[in-house]
Amino acid sequence: MRPSAARVIGPLLGRARPLAVLGSLILAACSRDQWQRFPSPDDVIAAVPWFATMHRGIAIQPYQMPRPPVPGTVPVTGSEVTYEVLPPNYPAINRLVNPVARTSASINRGQELYRIYCVPCHGPAGQGDGPIVAKFIRPPSLTTAQAKAYTDGYLYALLSSGRGLMPPYGDKIRGEDRWNVVNYLRAVIQAGQP
């Protein structure tokens, strides 16, 4: 005859209970600082001699950011010059020439990007009356004489690296698309067209 499950499991549970109680007492007795000092898997690996050599090697360490590229490295996609909008950079920024013709395709693409990234602050007509104005500082109007006097290169650099409270959009609006936004600003927003 087979013994009943209760007769087999009962003694095992009886022995496991003291271990469970002891384990929970140990865990409960640890303070937060003691728990933080508990060895991590990296510490255990570093204790083994041949793993320790690999752990201290020149490779990227765990939880560490990748090494920055060597100065002068050109990305696979080519290089893109970006300038911070600061007075020492103004001459170089103002020399940037818009390589994108103001075609309807460029203006339409610029309008699409403007609606995504610029309207929340500057508003649909560029007046600085976007939806965030109710809860944030009013951004400048893009239709003033001062904004119209900016060079295309200045607007391009402003989109790329931001200025003051305006965040940089260089990681969101890339390369030729920045020029498309500049073309839209010039041809539609600053020209006063609907």
Protein backbone atom coordinates (compact mmCIF):
# COMPACT_ATOMS: atom_id res chain seq x y z
CA MET A 1 0.00 0.00 0.00
CA ARG A 2 1.05 3.52 -0.70
CA PRO A 3 1.49 5.75 2.31
CA SER A 4 -0.75 8.77 2.31
CA ALA A 5 0.65 12.08 1.16
CA ALA A 6 0.03 13.65 4.54
CA ARG A 7 2.26 11.06 6.27
CA VAL A 8 5.12 11.74 3.81
CA ILE A 9 4.89 15.53 3.53
CA GLY A 10 4.05 16.18 7.19
CA PRO A 11 7.50 15.30 8.60
CA LEU A 12 9.20 17.23 5.79
CA LEU A 13 7.20 20.33 6.58
CA GLY A 14 7.94 19.86 10.25
CA ARG A 15 11.68 20.05 9.51
CA ALA A 16 11.34 22.92 7.03
CA ARG A 17 9.47 25.20 9.41
CA PRO A 18 12.41 25.81 11.77
CA LEU A 19 14.64 26.61 8.75
CA ALA A 20 12.06 29.02 7.32
CA VAL A 21 11.70 30.73 10.71
CA LEU A 22 15.49 30.97 11.08
CA GLY A 23 15.84 32.39 7.55
CA SER A 24 13.15 35.02 8.09
CA LEU A 25 14.76 36.04 11.41
CA ILE A 26 18.10 36.49 9.69
CA LEU A 27 16.55 38.59 6.91
CA ALA A 28 14.53 40.64 9.38
CA ALA A 29 17.65 41.31 11.47
CA CYS A 30 19.48 42.86 8.51
CA SER A 31 19.39 46.61 8.36
CA ARG A 32 19.16 48.41 5.03
CA ASP A 33 22.90 49.17 5.14
CA GLN A 34 23.76 45.54 5.81
CA TRP A 35 21.51 44.43 2.98
CA GLN A 36 23.19 46.90 0.59
CA ARG A 37 26.59 45.44 1.51
CA PHE A 38 25.44 41.94 0.66
CA PRO A 39 27.84 40.60 -2.01
CA SER A 40 26.68 40.94 -5.57
CA PRO A 41 27.43 38.40 -8.29
CA ASP A 42 30.19 40.72 -9.50
CA ASP A 43 31.89 40.50 -6.09
CA VAL A 44 31.75 36.73 -6.18
CA ILE A 45 33.22 36.62 -9.70
CA ALA A 46 35.99 39.03 -8.67
CA ALA A 47 36.99 36.61 -5.89
CA VAL A 48 37.87 33.84 -8.38
CA PRO A 49 41.44 34.51 -9.64
CA TRP A 50 40.95 33.94 -13.36
CA PHE A 51 37.62 35.77 -13.36
CA ALA A 52 39.17 38.63 -11.38
CA THR A 53 41.69 39.19 -14.20
CA MET A 54 38.83 39.50 -16.67
CA HIS A 55 36.89 41.68 -14.24
CA ARG A 56 39.76 44.19 -14.00
CA GLY A 57 40.54 44.04 -17.73
CA ILE A 58 40.36 46.95 -20.14
CA ALA A 59 36.92 45.94 -21.36
CA ILE A 60 33.87 47.98 -20.38
CA GLN A 61 33.08 47.28 -16.76
CA PRO A 62 29.62 46.12 -15.74
CA TYR A 63 27.17 48.96 -15.08
CA GLN A 64 29.56 51.46 -16.68
CA MET A 65 28.75 53.65 -19.65
CA PRO A 66 30.53 52.80 -22.90
CA ARG A 67 33.76 54.63 -23.55
CA PRO A 68 33.45 57.87 -25.51
CA PRO A 69 34.69 57.77 -29.10
CA VAL A 70 38.24 58.83 -29.85
CA PRO A 71 38.46 62.55 -30.72
CA GLY A 72 38.08 63.07 -34.45
CA THR A 73 36.08 59.89 -34.97
CA VAL A 74 33.59 60.22 -37.80
CA PRO A 75 30.32 58.31 -37.41
CA VAL A 76 29.31 55.83 -40.09
CA THR A 77 26.50 58.15 -41.18
CA GLY A 78 28.92 61.05 -41.67
CA SER A 79 29.62 64.05 -39.52
CA GLU A 80 27.18 66.72 -38.55
CA VAL A 81 28.39 70.02 -37.22
CA THR A 82 26.40 71.30 -34.27
CA TYR A 83 27.04 74.55 -32.46
CA GLU A 84 25.82 75.70 -29.09
CA VAL A 85 24.02 79.02 -29.44
CA LEU A 86 26.60 81.13 -27.61
CA PRO A 87 28.17 84.47 -28.63
CA PRO A 88 31.59 82.96 -29.48
CA ASN A 89 29.87 80.62 -31.97
CA TYR A 90 27.69 83.27 -33.68
CA PRO A 91 30.05 83.91 -36.61
CA ALA A 92 30.24 80.18 -37.47
CA ILE A 93 26.49 79.73 -36.93
CA ASN A 94 25.63 82.69 -39.16
CA ARG A 95 27.84 81.31 -41.93
CA LEU A 96 25.80 78.09 -42.11
CA VAL A 97 23.97 78.01 -45.43
CA ASN A 98 20.63 76.29 -45.87
CA PRO A 99 21.30 73.46 -48.37
CA VAL A 100 17.63 72.50 -48.69
CA ALA A 101 15.58 74.34 -51.31
CA ARG A 102 12.23 75.78 -50.20
CA THR A 103 10.13 73.34 -52.16
CA SER A 104 6.60 72.36 -51.26
CA ALA A 105 7.88 68.96 -50.12
CA SER A 106 10.38 70.61 -47.76
CA ILE A 107 7.77 73.03 -46.40
CA ASN A 108 5.23 70.23 -45.88
CA ARG A 109 7.80 68.13 -44.02
CA GLY A 110 8.77 71.18 -41.95
CA GLN A 111 5.11 71.81 -41.12
CA GLU A 112 4.70 68.22 -39.97
CA LEU A 113 7.72 68.48 -37.66
CA TYR A 114 6.72 71.95 -36.46
CA ARG A 115 3.30 70.64 -35.41
CA ILE A 116 4.92 67.80 -33.45
CA TYR A 117 7.77 69.61 -31.70
CA CYS A 118 7.17 73.37 -31.84
CA VAL A 119 3.41 73.95 -31.50
CA PRO A 120 3.26 72.91 -27.81
CA CYS A 121 5.33 75.97 -26.90
CA HIS A 122 5.26 78.41 -29.83
CA GLY A 123 1.68 77.76 -30.96
CA PRO A 124 0.33 77.02 -34.43
CA ALA A 125 1.02 80.53 -35.75
CA GLY A 126 4.37 80.97 -33.94
CA GLN A 127 3.03 83.62 -31.54
CA GLY A 128 4.31 81.90 -28.38
CA ASP A 129 0.79 80.93 -27.37
CA GLY A 130 1.05 77.14 -27.31
CA PRO A 131 -0.88 74.95 -24.85
CA ILE A 132 1.92 74.99 -22.27
CA VAL A 133 1.63 78.76 -21.73
CA ALA A 134 -1.07 78.27 -19.09
CA LYS A 135 1.37 76.34 -16.86
CA PHE A 136 4.79 77.51 -18.00
CA ILE A 137 6.73 80.58 -19.06
CA ARG A 138 5.59 82.10 -22.35
CA PRO A 139 8.12 81.35 -25.11
CA PRO A 140 9.13 84.05 -27.59
CA SER A 141 7.15 84.73 -30.72
CA LEU A 142 8.70 83.53 -33.97
CA THR A 143 7.10 86.37 -35.95
CA THR A 144 8.86 89.36 -34.36
CA ALA A 145 11.36 91.46 -36.28
CA GLN A 146 14.16 90.01 -34.15
CA ALA A 147 13.17 86.41 -35.02
CA LYS A 148 12.88 87.31 -38.71
CA ALA A 149 16.40 88.79 -38.59
CA TYR A 150 17.94 85.49 -37.45
CA THR A 151 19.90 83.70 -40.15
CA ASP A 152 18.85 80.25 -41.30
CA GLY A 153 22.02 78.91 -39.67
CA TYR A 154 21.03 80.49 -36.35
CA LEU A 155 17.58 78.88 -36.45
CA TYR A 156 19.18 75.55 -37.42
CA ALA A 157 21.61 75.75 -34.47
CA LEU A 158 18.77 76.79 -32.15
CA LEU A 159 16.79 73.69 -33.15
CA SER A 160 19.85 71.49 -32.72
CA SER A 161 21.17 72.59 -29.35
CA GLY A 162 18.39 74.69 -27.78
CA ARG A 163 18.91 77.84 -25.73
CA GLY A 164 17.73 79.01 -22.33
CA LEU A 165 14.56 77.09 -21.45
CA MET A 166 14.22 75.66 -24.95
CA PRO A 167 15.49 72.09 -24.91
CA PRO A 168 17.71 70.75 -27.68
CA TYR A 169 15.86 68.91 -30.43
CA GLY A 170 18.98 67.66 -32.23
CA ASP A 171 18.28 64.10 -31.13
CA LYS A 172 14.68 64.25 -32.37
CA ILE A 173 14.84 66.41 -35.50
CA ARG A 174 17.85 65.30 -37.49
CA GLY A 175 19.91 66.77 -40.31
CA GLU A 176 17.87 67.81 -43.32
CA ASP A 177 14.65 67.83 -41.29
CA ARG A 178 15.96 70.80 -39.27
CA TRP A 179 16.39 72.72 -42.50
CA ASN A 180 12.85 71.72 -43.47
CA VAL A 181 11.57 73.28 -40.23
CA VAL A 182 13.59 76.43 -40.98
CA ASN A 183 12.05 76.54 -44.48
CA TYR A 184 8.55 76.19 -42.98
CA LEU A 185 9.25 78.98 -40.48
CA ARG A 186 10.45 81.31 -43.22
CA ALA A 187 7.85 80.48 -45.88
CA VAL A 188 4.73 80.14 -43.74
CA ILE A 189 5.06 81.30 -40.11
CA GLN A 190 7.19 84.39 -40.70
CA ALA A 191 5.52 85.23 -43.99
CA GLY A 192 2.19 85.41 -42.13
CA GLN A 193 0.48 82.78 -44.25
CA PRO A 194 -2.17 80.57 -42.70
